[in-house]
Amino acid sequence: MKTVRAFLVGVALIGLGLLLVGLRVNPYAYFAGYVVLQYVIIATAWNVLGGYAGYVNFGTPAFFALGAYTAIFLIEAFGAPLPVLILAGGLVAGLLGLGIGYLTLRLKGVFFSIATFALSVVLQTLIINWDYVGGAKGYTLIRPPAPFFGSWAILLFMVMVGLAVVTVLVARSVERSWIGRGLAALRDNEEAAECMGVPTLRLKLFATTLSGFFLGVAGAPFPYYVTYVEPSSAFDLNYAVNALAMPMIGGTTTWIGPVIGAVLLGTAQQVATVTISSELNLLIVGVVLVLFVVLAPEGIVGLVRRLRHR
């Protein structure tokens, strides 16, 4: 019954997105909404591994950029449409997650985090030297006429609405399944979970693959959003910082936490970009993160639960 209710809420959110499209507001509002929803996907995807399983991943930009450059390759080679780009970007990033999982998941703590950061550096170096997808000079995309809505701003916004709803519903289903309970067990005490018969390695591989898949999905529409992609923008440090900060601000042990953190922090960043300066984005993230680590280490969700039980 709860699953059906969640599905209906997802459909209602997509309907709300269509309603907003009908209002035809300032085009920047759709681009800003795209960015916020993109961070909802990124934060939720990161949380599958970092929150549910407790493995902090600093390689978010690698998976995001891989989705973007997979899309660029398919555009350049075959002129593939956007749905194919999204699926392919997710699959390639998911395969990378699976492969990296086999290589790094025997590492723990800071060693795992350093290994994932190194992955981002290595992959960026490879992309810089791959001229077919633009290399160091970047890749310029000439967008064709936008189908359906007649505007790429609106189309990309609706695409991201749908992708965000699907990502959150999948994360919620994982959390409430035996997989989520297994991931929670290994997050709390991996050795004890193994002794109890929990298939920890398989669960961690599942988490890295699923997390990588949705990070790639978030990155695949990126070339259509910016029209000019260079390695420094695709591998932007902002993705790693926000992917970590947003779930921590919202709460990492539940599916709703990354959504709350992404909406609040992403909206604050977009407002700051328009009213003050985009250079303040990382400062905003840093200040808010420090405040929550000190005052509410379990995030907004944990703070609400604590207040309820008083």
Protein backbone atom coordinates (compact mmCIF):
# COMPACT_ATOMS: atom_id res chain seq x y z
CA MET A 1 0.00 0.00 0.00
CA LYS A 2 2.83 2.40 0.87
CA THR A 3 4.53 1.59 -2.42
CA VAL A 4 1.39 2.46 -4.35
CA ARG A 5 1.07 5.69 -2.38
CA ALA A 6 4.69 6.61 -3.15
CA PHE A 7 4.10 5.89 -6.84
CA LEU A 8 1.04 8.11 -6.86
CA VAL A 9 3.01 10.90 -5.17
CA GLY A 10 5.65 10.54 -7.89
CA VAL A 11 3.02 10.79 -10.61
CA ALA A 12 1.55 13.83 -8.87
CA LEU A 13 4.99 15.51 -8.83
CA ILE A 14 5.39 14.90 -12.54
CA GLY A 15 1.92 16.39 -13.03
CA LEU A 16 2.98 19.40 -10.97
CA GLY A 17 5.99 19.79 -13.25
CA LEU A 18 3.70 19.80 -16.29
CA LEU A 19 1.56 22.42 -14.55
CA LEU A 20 4.62 24.62 -14.01
CA VAL A 21 5.52 24.18 -17.67
CA GLY A 22 2.08 25.50 -18.61
CA LEU A 23 2.74 28.71 -16.68
CA ARG A 24 5.57 29.67 -19.07
CA VAL A 25 7.60 31.60 -16.49
CA ASN A 26 11.07 33.07 -17.01
CA PRO A 27 13.20 30.44 -18.83
CA TYR A 28 15.92 30.77 -16.17
CA ALA A 29 13.49 29.31 -13.62
CA TYR A 30 13.41 26.07 -15.63
CA PHE A 31 17.21 25.93 -15.88
CA ALA A 32 17.49 26.62 -12.13
CA GLY A 33 14.91 23.91 -11.47
CA TYR A 34 16.93 21.56 -13.67
CA VAL A 35 20.03 22.15 -11.53
CA VAL A 36 18.18 21.59 -8.26
CA LEU A 37 16.58 18.37 -9.55
CA GLN A 38 19.96 17.26 -10.89
CA TYR A 39 21.32 17.60 -7.36
CA VAL A 40 18.37 15.61 -6.02
CA ILE A 41 19.51 12.73 -8.25
CA ILE A 42 23.20 13.17 -7.40
CA ALA A 43 22.57 13.38 -3.63
CA THR A 44 20.21 10.39 -3.68
CA ALA A 45 22.61 8.32 -5.78
CA TRP A 46 25.54 9.19 -3.49
CA ASN A 47 23.47 8.27 -0.45
CA VAL A 48 22.88 4.71 -1.68
CA LEU A 49 26.57 4.02 -1.11
CA GLY A 50 27.62 6.77 1.30
CA GLY A 51 24.52 6.82 3.49
CA TYR A 52 23.00 3.35 3.36
CA ALA A 53 26.30 1.43 3.23
CA GLY A 54 28.55 3.96 4.99
CA TYR A 55 31.21 4.11 2.26
CA VAL A 56 32.03 7.78 1.64
CA ASN A 57 32.57 8.33 -2.09
CA PHE A 58 34.64 11.31 -3.28
CA GLY A 59 34.51 10.14 -6.90
CA THR A 60 31.08 11.60 -7.73
CA PRO A 61 32.46 13.83 -10.53
CA ALA A 62 33.93 10.76 -12.27
CA PHE A 63 30.56 9.02 -12.62
CA PHE A 64 28.72 12.24 -13.49
CA ALA A 65 31.30 13.16 -16.14
CA LEU A 66 31.31 9.63 -17.53
CA GLY A 67 27.57 9.95 -18.14
CA ALA A 68 28.13 13.29 -19.87
CA TYR A 69 30.99 12.08 -22.06
CA THR A 70 29.18 8.86 -22.93
CA ALA A 71 26.40 11.09 -24.23
CA ILE A 72 28.91 13.19 -26.19
CA PHE A 73 30.44 10.08 -27.76
CA LEU A 74 27.02 8.76 -28.83
CA ILE A 75 26.00 12.15 -30.21
CA GLU A 76 29.21 12.44 -32.20
CA ALA A 77 29.21 8.84 -33.43
CA PHE A 78 25.52 8.09 -34.01
CA GLY A 79 23.50 11.24 -33.33
CA ALA A 80 21.66 9.30 -30.62
CA PRO A 81 18.48 10.83 -29.10
CA LEU A 82 18.27 11.99 -25.49
CA PRO A 83 16.53 8.87 -24.04
CA VAL A 84 19.30 6.65 -25.46
CA LEU A 85 21.94 9.00 -24.06
CA ILE A 86 20.41 8.85 -20.57
CA LEU A 87 20.17 5.05 -20.56
CA ALA A 88 23.66 4.57 -22.00
CA GLY A 89 25.20 7.10 -19.63
CA GLY A 90 23.67 5.29 -16.68
CA LEU A 91 24.75 1.84 -17.87
CA VAL A 92 28.35 2.85 -18.56
CA ALA A 93 28.66 4.63 -15.21
CA GLY A 94 27.02 1.64 -13.50
CA LEU A 95 29.56 -0.71 -15.08
CA LEU A 96 32.33 1.58 -13.84
CA GLY A 97 30.79 1.43 -10.37
CA LEU A 98 30.75 -2.37 -10.51
CA GLY A 99 34.36 -2.54 -11.68
CA ILE A 100 35.60 -0.02 -9.14
CA GLY A 101 33.64 -1.88 -6.48
CA TYR A 102 35.61 -5.06 -7.13
CA LEU A 103 38.88 -3.12 -6.92
CA THR A 104 38.24 -0.82 -3.96
CA LEU A 105 35.51 -2.15 -1.69
CA ARG A 106 37.97 -4.23 0.27
CA LEU A 107 39.37 -0.87 1.36
CA LYS A 108 37.64 0.88 4.22
CA GLY A 109 37.29 4.35 5.65
CA VAL A 110 39.59 7.06 4.37
CA PHE A 111 41.43 4.61 2.08
CA PHE A 112 38.26 3.93 0.10
CA SER A 113 37.52 7.66 -0.13
CA ILE A 114 41.03 8.41 -1.43
CA ALA A 115 40.74 5.63 -4.01
CA THR A 116 37.47 7.05 -5.38
CA PHE A 117 38.99 10.54 -5.55
CA ALA A 118 41.94 9.10 -7.47
CA LEU A 119 39.45 7.55 -9.90
CA SER A 120 38.12 11.01 -10.72
CA VAL A 121 41.63 12.36 -11.35
CA VAL A 122 42.59 9.43 -13.59
CA LEU A 123 39.37 9.57 -15.61
CA GLN A 124 39.69 13.34 -16.09
CA THR A 125 43.24 12.86 -17.41
CA LEU A 126 41.98 10.28 -19.92
CA ILE A 127 39.19 12.58 -21.11
CA ILE A 128 41.60 15.51 -21.52
CA ASN A 129 43.65 13.39 -23.92
CA TRP A 130 40.67 11.99 -25.89
CA ASP A 131 40.23 14.36 -28.81
CA TYR A 132 37.18 12.58 -30.22
CA VAL A 133 35.02 13.95 -27.36
CA GLY A 134 36.70 17.35 -27.36
CA GLY A 135 39.71 16.69 -25.18
CA ALA A 136 41.16 19.64 -23.29
CA LYS A 137 39.60 22.21 -25.63
CA GLY A 138 36.06 21.01 -24.86
CA TYR A 139 33.08 19.97 -26.97
CA THR A 140 30.42 22.28 -28.40
CA LEU A 141 26.95 20.88 -28.99
CA ILE A 142 24.58 22.44 -31.49
CA ARG A 143 21.13 21.59 -30.19
CA PRO A 144 18.46 20.64 -32.74
CA PRO A 145 14.95 22.12 -32.40
CA ALA A 146 13.45 20.97 -29.10
CA PRO A 147 10.67 18.39 -29.46
CA PHE A 148 7.36 18.43 -27.51
CA PHE A 149 7.71 21.70 -25.59
CA GLY A 150 9.46 23.82 -28.22
CA SER A 151 12.10 24.90 -25.68
CA TRP A 152 15.14 23.02 -24.40
CA ALA A 153 14.86 24.76 -21.04
CA ILE A 154 11.38 23.32 -20.50
CA LEU A 155 12.19 19.93 -22.03
CA LEU A 156 15.29 19.43 -19.88
CA PHE A 157 13.37 20.53 -16.79
CA MET A 158 10.66 17.92 -17.42
CA VAL A 159 13.23 15.23 -18.18
CA MET A 160 14.94 15.96 -14.87
CA VAL A 161 11.60 15.93 -13.03
CA GLY A 162 10.95 12.40 -14.31
CA LEU A 163 14.49 11.18 -13.60
CA ALA A 164 14.45 12.64 -10.07
CA VAL A 165 11.12 10.95 -9.28
CA VAL A 166 12.38 7.58 -10.54
CA THR A 167 15.68 7.87 -8.65
CA VAL A 168 14.00 8.73 -5.35
CA LEU A 169 11.40 5.96 -5.73
CA VAL A 170 14.15 3.40 -6.40
CA ALA A 171 16.18 4.61 -3.41
CA ARG A 172 13.09 4.42 -1.22
CA SER A 173 12.36 0.87 -2.40
CA VAL A 174 15.95 -0.19 -1.73
CA GLU A 175 15.88 1.31 1.76
CA ARG A 176 12.69 -0.55 2.69
CA SER A 177 13.79 -3.91 1.24
CA TRP A 178 16.05 -6.62 2.62
CA ILE A 179 18.87 -4.99 0.64
CA GLY A 180 18.44 -1.78 2.61
CA ARG A 181 18.43 -3.68 5.89
CA GLY A 182 21.58 -5.51 4.83
CA LEU A 183 23.30 -2.25 3.87
CA ALA A 184 22.31 -0.73 7.21
CA ALA A 185 23.78 -3.74 9.01
CA LEU A 186 27.14 -3.45 7.28
CA ARG A 187 27.14 0.32 7.85
CA ASP A 188 26.71 -0.19 11.58
CA ASN A 189 29.19 -3.05 11.93
CA GLU A 190 30.48 -4.82 8.83
CA GLU A 191 32.29 -7.61 10.70
CA ALA A 192 29.20 -8.44 12.77
CA ALA A 193 27.05 -8.39 9.62
CA GLU A 194 29.37 -10.90 7.93
CA CYS A 195 29.23 -13.15 10.98
CA MET A 196 25.43 -13.06 10.79
CA GLY A 197 25.51 -14.25 7.18
CA VAL A 198 24.83 -10.92 5.45
CA PRO A 199 26.33 -11.04 1.90
CA THR A 200 28.29 -7.84 2.45
CA LEU A 201 30.44 -7.90 -0.69
CA ARG A 202 27.46 -8.50 -2.99
CA LEU A 203 25.49 -5.74 -1.27
CA LYS A 204 28.39 -3.29 -1.60
CA LEU A 205 28.76 -4.14 -5.29
CA PHE A 206 25.04 -3.58 -5.74
CA ALA A 207 25.34 -0.21 -3.98
CA THR A 208 28.32 0.95 -6.09
CA THR A 209 26.61 -0.14 -9.30
CA LEU A 210 23.26 1.48 -8.50
CA SER A 211 24.92 4.65 -7.22
CA GLY A 212 27.11 4.87 -10.33
CA PHE A 213 24.13 4.24 -12.61
CA PHE A 214 22.09 7.16 -11.30
CA LEU A 215 25.11 9.48 -11.20
CA GLY A 216 25.64 8.67 -14.88
CA VAL A 217 21.95 9.28 -15.56
CA ALA A 218 22.28 12.73 -13.94
CA GLY A 219 25.28 13.54 -16.14
CA ALA A 220 23.91 12.33 -19.50
CA PRO A 221 21.69 15.39 -20.24
CA PHE A 222 24.49 17.76 -19.17
CA PRO A 223 25.77 18.45 -22.73
CA TYR A 224 22.29 19.59 -23.78
CA TYR A 225 22.08 21.79 -20.70
CA VAL A 226 25.35 23.69 -21.12
CA THR A 227 25.99 23.07 -24.89
CA TYR A 228 29.72 23.44 -24.20
CA VAL A 229 31.42 20.74 -22.13
CA GLU A 230 35.03 20.85 -21.02
CA PRO A 231 36.72 18.51 -18.53
CA SER A 232 36.89 21.15 -15.78
CA SER A 233 33.11 21.69 -15.92
CA ALA A 234 32.15 18.01 -16.11
CA PHE A 235 34.59 17.05 -13.32
CA ASP A 236 33.68 20.09 -11.23
CA LEU A 237 34.57 19.80 -7.53
CA ASN A 238 31.10 21.19 -6.74
CA TYR A 239 29.59 17.80 -7.56
CA ALA A 240 31.76 16.00 -5.02
CA VAL A 241 31.17 18.63 -2.32
CA ASN A 242 27.41 18.92 -2.85
CA ALA A 243 26.96 15.15 -3.16
CA LEU A 244 28.46 14.81 0.32
CA ALA A 245 26.92 17.91 1.92
CA MET A 246 23.32 17.57 0.77
CA PRO A 247 22.64 14.11 2.28
CA MET A 248 24.45 15.11 5.47
CA ILE A 249 22.33 18.23 5.82
CA GLY A 250 19.10 16.37 5.14
CA GLY A 251 20.01 13.08 6.82
CA THR A 252 21.89 10.09 5.40
CA THR A 253 19.97 7.15 6.85
CA THR A 254 16.72 7.73 4.97
CA TRP A 255 15.70 8.39 1.37
CA ILE A 256 14.03 11.71 2.16
CA GLY A 257 17.18 13.25 3.69
CA PRO A 258 19.11 13.78 0.41
CA VAL A 259 15.96 15.20 -1.21
CA ILE A 260 15.52 17.77 1.57
CA GLY A 261 19.21 18.70 1.54
CA ALA A 262 19.35 19.00 -2.26
CA VAL A 263 16.22 21.15 -2.49
CA LEU A 264 17.28 23.50 0.32
CA LEU A 265 20.96 23.81 -0.56
CA GLY A 266 20.45 23.71 -4.32
CA THR A 267 17.81 26.45 -4.14
CA ALA A 268 20.05 28.58 -1.90
CA GLN A 269 22.89 28.24 -4.40
CA GLN A 270 20.71 29.23 -7.34
CA VAL A 271 19.38 32.27 -5.47
CA ALA A 272 22.94 33.27 -4.54
CA THR A 273 24.05 32.85 -8.15
CA VAL A 274 21.41 35.30 -9.37
CA THR A 275 21.46 37.82 -6.52
CA ILE A 276 25.10 37.83 -5.37
CA SER A 277 27.68 35.64 -7.11
CA SER A 278 28.12 32.02 -8.16
CA GLU A 279 31.53 32.10 -6.44
CA LEU A 280 29.72 32.02 -3.08
CA ASN A 281 28.22 28.57 -3.71
CA LEU A 282 31.04 26.60 -2.09
CA LEU A 283 31.15 29.08 0.79
CA ILE A 284 27.42 28.56 1.39
CA VAL A 285 27.88 24.79 1.32
CA GLY A 286 30.83 24.94 3.72
CA VAL A 287 29.14 27.20 6.27
CA VAL A 288 25.86 25.27 6.24
CA LEU A 289 27.67 21.93 6.48
CA VAL A 290 29.75 23.04 9.47
CA LEU A 291 26.62 24.31 11.23
CA PHE A 292 24.80 21.02 10.71
CA VAL A 293 27.79 18.89 11.71
CA VAL A 294 28.01 20.83 14.99
CA LEU A 295 24.33 21.42 15.76
CA ALA A 296 22.54 18.55 14.01
CA PRO A 297 24.97 15.76 13.04
CA GLU A 298 22.07 13.50 12.01
CA GLY A 299 20.72 16.12 9.61
CA ILE A 300 17.31 17.71 9.42
CA VAL A 301 15.51 14.36 9.52
CA GLY A 302 17.41 13.31 12.65
CA LEU A 303 16.77 16.71 14.27
CA VAL A 304 13.02 16.42 13.62
CA ARG A 305 12.97 12.90 15.08
CA ARG A 306 14.80 14.09 18.18
CA LEU A 307 12.37 16.96 18.72
CA ARG A 308 9.40 14.61 18.29
CA HIS A 309 10.65 12.25 20.99
CA ARG A 310 11.12 14.99 23.58
